[in-house]
Amino acid sequence: MPQLNPSPWFAILVFSWIIFLTIIPTKILSHVAPNELTPVNEEKHKTEPWDWPW
């Protein structure tokens, strides 16, 4: 039964994890956002109490 022989399956597992951990993250991290992020003002908005009209 070939599935009981671990040597080809272990090699496939190791090589696939090497690809997942080295090549794919570098390709994903190389993408640049199209717009630069702008910092948001941290000033507090003035809130006023509002009474219900009924």
PDB file of N, CA and C in Angstrom:
ATOM      1  N   MET A   1       0.845  -1.186   0.000  1.00  0.00           N
ATOM      2  CA  MET A   1       0.000   0.000   0.000  1.00  0.00           C
ATOM      3  C   MET A   1       0.890   1.249   0.000  1.00  0.00           C
ATOM      4  N   PRO A   2       0.818   2.076  -1.014  1.00  0.00           N
ATOM      5  CA  PRO A   2       1.758   3.202  -1.120  1.00  0.00           C
ATOM      6  C   PRO A   2       1.524   4.297  -0.085  1.00  0.00           C
ATOM      7  N   GLN A   3       0.306   4.422   0.443  1.00  0.00           N
ATOM      8  CA  GLN A   3       0.064   5.497   1.402  1.00  0.00           C
ATOM      9  C   GLN A   3       0.729   5.232   2.743  1.00  0.00           C
ATOM     10  N   LEU A   4       1.197   4.009   2.979  1.00  0.00           N
ATOM     11  CA  LEU A   4       1.900   3.721   4.216  1.00  0.00           C
ATOM     12  C   LEU A   4       3.389   4.046   4.123  1.00  0.00           C
ATOM     13  N   ASN A   5       3.881   4.324   2.942  1.00  0.00           N
ATOM     14  CA  ASN A   5       5.275   4.699   2.772  1.00  0.00           C
ATOM     15  C   ASN A   5       5.376   6.218   2.967  1.00  0.00           C
ATOM     16  N   PRO A   6       6.001   6.686   4.064  1.00  0.00           N
ATOM     17  CA  PRO A   6       5.959   8.120   4.367  1.00  0.00           C
ATOM     18  C   PRO A   6       6.941   8.964   3.572  1.00  0.00           C
ATOM     19  N   SER A   7       7.894   8.367   2.883  1.00  0.00           N
ATOM     20  CA  SER A   7       8.935   9.191   2.276  1.00  0.00           C
ATOM     21  C   SER A   7       8.429  10.132   1.185  1.00  0.00           C
ATOM     22  N   PRO A   8       7.612   9.761   0.204  1.00  0.00           N
ATOM     23  CA  PRO A   8       7.207  10.785  -0.769  1.00  0.00           C
ATOM     24  C   PRO A   8       6.210  11.788  -0.176  1.00  0.00           C
ATOM     25  N   TRP A   9       5.350  11.352   0.712  1.00  0.00           N
ATOM     26  CA  TRP A   9       4.350  12.249   1.276  1.00  0.00           C
ATOM     27  C   TRP A   9       4.981  13.236   2.243  1.00  0.00           C
ATOM     28  N   PHE A  10       5.978  12.796   2.976  1.00  0.00           N
ATOM     29  CA  PHE A  10       6.654  13.714   3.896  1.00  0.00           C
ATOM     30  C   PHE A  10       7.423  14.781   3.118  1.00  0.00           C
ATOM     31  N   ALA A  11       8.046  14.403   2.024  1.00  0.00           N
ATOM     32  CA  ALA A  11       8.769  15.375   1.199  1.00  0.00           C
ATOM     33  C   ALA A  11       7.806  16.397   0.594  1.00  0.00           C
ATOM     34  N   ILE A  12       6.658  15.940   0.136  1.00  0.00           N
ATOM     35  CA  ILE A  12       5.647  16.863  -0.405  1.00  0.00           C
ATOM     36  C   ILE A  12       5.160  17.810   0.685  1.00  0.00           C
ATOM     37  N   LEU A  13       4.939  17.289   1.877  1.00  0.00           N
ATOM     38  CA  LEU A  13       4.503  18.125   2.998  1.00  0.00           C
ATOM     39  C   LEU A  13       5.549  19.179   3.335  1.00  0.00           C
ATOM     40  N   VAL A  14       6.800  18.769   3.418  1.00  0.00           N
ATOM     41  CA  VAL A  14       7.864  19.710   3.780  1.00  0.00           C
ATOM     42  C   VAL A  14       8.029  20.778   2.707  1.00  0.00           C
ATOM     43  N   PHE A  15       8.055  20.392   1.444  1.00  0.00           N
ATOM     44  CA  PHE A  15       8.226  21.379   0.381  1.00  0.00           C
ATOM     45  C   PHE A  15       7.031  22.324   0.264  1.00  0.00           C
ATOM     46  N   SER A  16       5.841  21.813   0.485  1.00  0.00           N
ATOM     47  CA  SER A  16       4.688  22.706   0.419  1.00  0.00           C
ATOM     48  C   SER A  16       4.711  23.718   1.564  1.00  0.00           C
ATOM     49  N   TRP A  17       5.132  23.309   2.767  1.00  0.00           N
ATOM     50  CA  TRP A  17       5.224  24.248   3.883  1.00  0.00           C
ATOM     51  C   TRP A  17       6.359  25.241   3.676  1.00  0.00           C
ATOM     52  N   ILE A  18       7.432  24.815   3.050  1.00  0.00           N
ATOM     53  CA  ILE A  18       8.502  25.764   2.738  1.00  0.00           C
ATOM     54  C   ILE A  18       7.987  26.842   1.784  1.00  0.00           C
ATOM     55  N   ILE A  19       7.200  26.418   0.800  1.00  0.00           N
ATOM     56  CA  ILE A  19       6.614  27.400  -0.125  1.00  0.00           C
ATOM     57  C   ILE A  19       5.650  28.315   0.608  1.00  0.00           C
ATOM     58  N   PHE A  20       4.794  27.754   1.450  1.00  0.00           N
ATOM     59  CA  PHE A  20       3.819  28.567   2.170  1.00  0.00           C
ATOM     60  C   PHE A  20       4.486  29.559   3.108  1.00  0.00           C
ATOM     61  N   LEU A  21       5.595  29.189   3.719  1.00  0.00           N
ATOM     62  CA  LEU A  21       6.207  30.047   4.726  1.00  0.00           C
ATOM     63  C   LEU A  21       7.262  30.993   4.182  1.00  0.00           C
ATOM     64  N   THR A  22       7.744  30.786   2.979  1.00  0.00           N
ATOM     65  CA  THR A  22       8.782  31.675   2.460  1.00  0.00           C
ATOM     66  C   THR A  22       8.327  32.484   1.258  1.00  0.00           C
ATOM     67  N   ILE A  23       7.761  31.849   0.270  1.00  0.00           N
ATOM     68  CA  ILE A  23       7.469  32.557  -0.981  1.00  0.00           C
ATOM     69  C   ILE A  23       6.172  33.352  -0.884  1.00  0.00           C
ATOM     70  N   ILE A  24       5.128  32.741  -0.394  1.00  0.00           N
ATOM     71  CA  ILE A  24       3.818  33.404  -0.406  1.00  0.00           C
ATOM     72  C   ILE A  24       3.764  34.633   0.511  1.00  0.00           C
ATOM     73  N   PRO A  25       4.297  34.611   1.748  1.00  0.00           N
ATOM     74  CA  PRO A  25       4.251  35.851   2.553  1.00  0.00           C
ATOM     75  C   PRO A  25       5.033  37.003   1.933  1.00  0.00           C
ATOM     76  N   THR A  26       6.152  36.721   1.277  1.00  0.00           N
ATOM     77  CA  THR A  26       6.890  37.816   0.642  1.00  0.00           C
ATOM     78  C   THR A  26       6.106  38.409  -0.521  1.00  0.00           C
ATOM     79  N   LYS A  27       5.373  37.584  -1.251  1.00  0.00           N
ATOM     80  CA  LYS A  27       4.556  38.115  -2.342  1.00  0.00           C
ATOM     81  C   LYS A  27       3.395  38.952  -1.807  1.00  0.00           C
ATOM     82  N   ILE A  28       2.799  38.515  -0.695  1.00  0.00           N
ATOM     83  CA  ILE A  28       1.680  39.261  -0.129  1.00  0.00           C
ATOM     84  C   ILE A  28       2.161  40.581   0.469  1.00  0.00           C
ATOM     85  N   LEU A  29       3.301  40.562   1.161  1.00  0.00           N
ATOM     86  CA  LEU A  29       3.799  41.777   1.798  1.00  0.00           C
ATOM     87  C   LEU A  29       4.387  42.771   0.808  1.00  0.00           C
ATOM     88  N   SER A  30       4.649  42.351  -0.417  1.00  0.00           N
ATOM     89  CA  SER A  30       5.210  43.276  -1.396  1.00  0.00           C
ATOM     90  C   SER A  30       4.156  44.199  -1.998  1.00  0.00           C
ATOM     91  N   HIS A  31       2.891  43.910  -1.797  1.00  0.00           N
ATOM     92  CA  HIS A  31       1.838  44.777  -2.326  1.00  0.00           C
ATOM     93  C   HIS A  31       1.800  46.087  -1.540  1.00  0.00           C
ATOM     94  N   VAL A  32       1.557  47.161  -2.256  1.00  0.00           N
ATOM     95  CA  VAL A  32       1.521  48.480  -1.650  1.00  0.00           C
ATOM     96  C   VAL A  32       0.091  48.991  -1.719  1.00  0.00           C
ATOM     97  N   ALA A  33      -0.338  49.631  -0.659  1.00  0.00           N
ATOM     98  CA  ALA A  33      -1.684  50.210  -0.648  1.00  0.00           C
ATOM     99  C   ALA A  33      -1.747  51.358  -1.651  1.00  0.00           C
ATOM    100  N   PRO A  34      -2.845  51.488  -2.401  1.00  0.00           N
ATOM    101  CA  PRO A  34      -2.915  52.546  -3.413  1.00  0.00           C
ATOM    102  C   PRO A  34      -2.981  53.946  -2.814  1.00  0.00           C
ATOM    103  N   ASN A  35      -3.534  54.085  -1.636  1.00  0.00           N
ATOM    104  CA  ASN A  35      -3.649  55.399  -1.003  1.00  0.00           C
ATOM    105  C   ASN A  35      -2.896  55.373   0.317  1.00  0.00           C
ATOM    106  N   GLU A  36      -2.187  56.433   0.580  1.00  0.00           N
ATOM    107  CA  GLU A  36      -1.492  56.534   1.860  1.00  0.00           C
ATOM    108  C   GLU A  36      -2.510  56.851   2.951  1.00  0.00           C
ATOM    109  N   LEU A  37      -2.287  56.290   4.117  1.00  0.00           N
ATOM    110  CA  LEU A  37      -3.192  56.531   5.227  1.00  0.00           C
ATOM    111  C   LEU A  37      -2.934  57.913   5.821  1.00  0.00           C
ATOM    112  N   THR A  38      -4.000  58.616   6.137  1.00  0.00           N
ATOM    113  CA  THR A  38      -3.867  59.925   6.761  1.00  0.00           C
ATOM    114  C   THR A  38      -4.314  59.804   8.213  1.00  0.00           C
ATOM    115  N   PRO A  39      -3.597  60.432   9.109  1.00  0.00           N
ATOM    116  CA  PRO A  39      -4.000  60.342  10.519  1.00  0.00           C
ATOM    117  C   PRO A  39      -5.307  61.092  10.765  1.00  0.00           C
ATOM    118  N   VAL A  40      -6.106  60.542  11.641  1.00  0.00           N
ATOM    119  CA  VAL A  40      -7.397  61.137  11.967  1.00  0.00           C
ATOM    120  C   VAL A  40      -7.211  62.084  13.145  1.00  0.00           C
ATOM    121  N   ASN A  41      -7.926  63.204  13.107  1.00  0.00           N
ATOM    122  CA  ASN A  41      -7.846  64.146  14.223  1.00  0.00           C
ATOM    123  C   ASN A  41      -8.366  63.484  15.496  1.00  0.00           C
ATOM    124  N   GLU A  42      -7.672  63.767  16.585  1.00  0.00           N
ATOM    125  CA  GLU A  42      -8.056  63.151  17.845  1.00  0.00           C
ATOM    126  C   GLU A  42      -8.879  64.089  18.721  1.00  0.00           C
ATOM    127  N   GLU A  43      -9.318  65.191  18.173  1.00  0.00           N
ATOM    128  CA  GLU A  43     -10.096  66.120  18.990  1.00  0.00           C
ATOM    129  C   GLU A  43     -11.474  65.540  19.254  1.00  0.00           C
ATOM    130  N   LYS A  44     -11.944  65.756  20.456  1.00  0.00           N
ATOM    131  CA  LYS A  44     -13.239  65.219  20.859  1.00  0.00           C
ATOM    132  C   LYS A  44     -14.363  66.054  20.250  1.00  0.00           C
ATOM    133  N   HIS A  45     -15.375  65.381  19.795  1.00  0.00           N
ATOM    134  CA  HIS A  45     -16.529  66.086  19.272  1.00  0.00           C
ATOM    135  C   HIS A  45     -17.392  66.549  20.435  1.00  0.00           C
ATOM    136  N   LYS A  46     -17.912  67.735  20.270  1.00  0.00           N
ATOM    137  CA  LYS A  46     -18.743  68.307  21.322  1.00  0.00           C
ATOM    138  C   LYS A  46     -20.140  67.689  21.228  1.00  0.00           C
ATOM    139  N   THR A  47     -20.537  67.009  22.254  1.00  0.00           N
ATOM    140  CA  THR A  47     -21.863  66.397  22.266  1.00  0.00           C
ATOM    141  C   THR A  47     -22.783  67.208  23.169  1.00  0.00           C
ATOM    142  N   GLU A  48     -23.987  67.377  22.699  1.00  0.00           N
ATOM    143  CA  GLU A  48     -24.975  68.134  23.471  1.00  0.00           C
ATOM    144  C   GLU A  48     -26.120  67.203  23.840  1.00  0.00           C
ATOM    145  N   PRO A  49     -26.663  67.366  25.035  1.00  0.00           N
ATOM    146  CA  PRO A  49     -27.820  66.535  25.396  1.00  0.00           C
ATOM    147  C   PRO A  49     -29.014  66.893  24.518  1.00  0.00           C
ATOM    148  N   TRP A  50     -29.809  65.900  24.228  1.00  0.00           N
ATOM    149  CA  TRP A  50     -30.953  66.117  23.351  1.00  0.00           C
ATOM    150  C   TRP A  50     -32.186  65.550  24.041  1.00  0.00           C
ATOM    151  N   ASP A  51     -33.205  66.369  24.169  1.00  0.00           N
ATOM    152  CA  ASP A  51     -34.432  65.938  24.818  1.00  0.00           C
ATOM    153  C   ASP A  51     -35.406  65.416  23.778  1.00  0.00           C
ATOM    154  N   TRP A  52     -36.058  64.350  24.113  1.00  0.00           N
ATOM    155  CA  TRP A  52     -37.059  63.809  23.216  1.00  0.00           C
ATOM    156  C   TRP A  52     -38.276  64.732  23.200  1.00  0.00           C
ATOM    157  N   PRO A  53     -38.906  64.927  22.041  1.00  0.00           N
ATOM    158  CA  PRO A  53     -39.962  65.937  21.935  1.00  0.00           C
ATOM    159  C   PRO A  53     -41.296  65.541  22.567  1.00  0.00           C
ATOM    160  N   TRP A  54     -41.459  64.340  23.053  1.00  0.00           N
ATOM    161  CA  TRP A  54     -42.775  64.010  23.583  1.00  0.00           C
ATOM    162  C   TRP A  54     -42.885  64.257  25.029  1.00  0.00           C
TER     163      TRP A  54
END
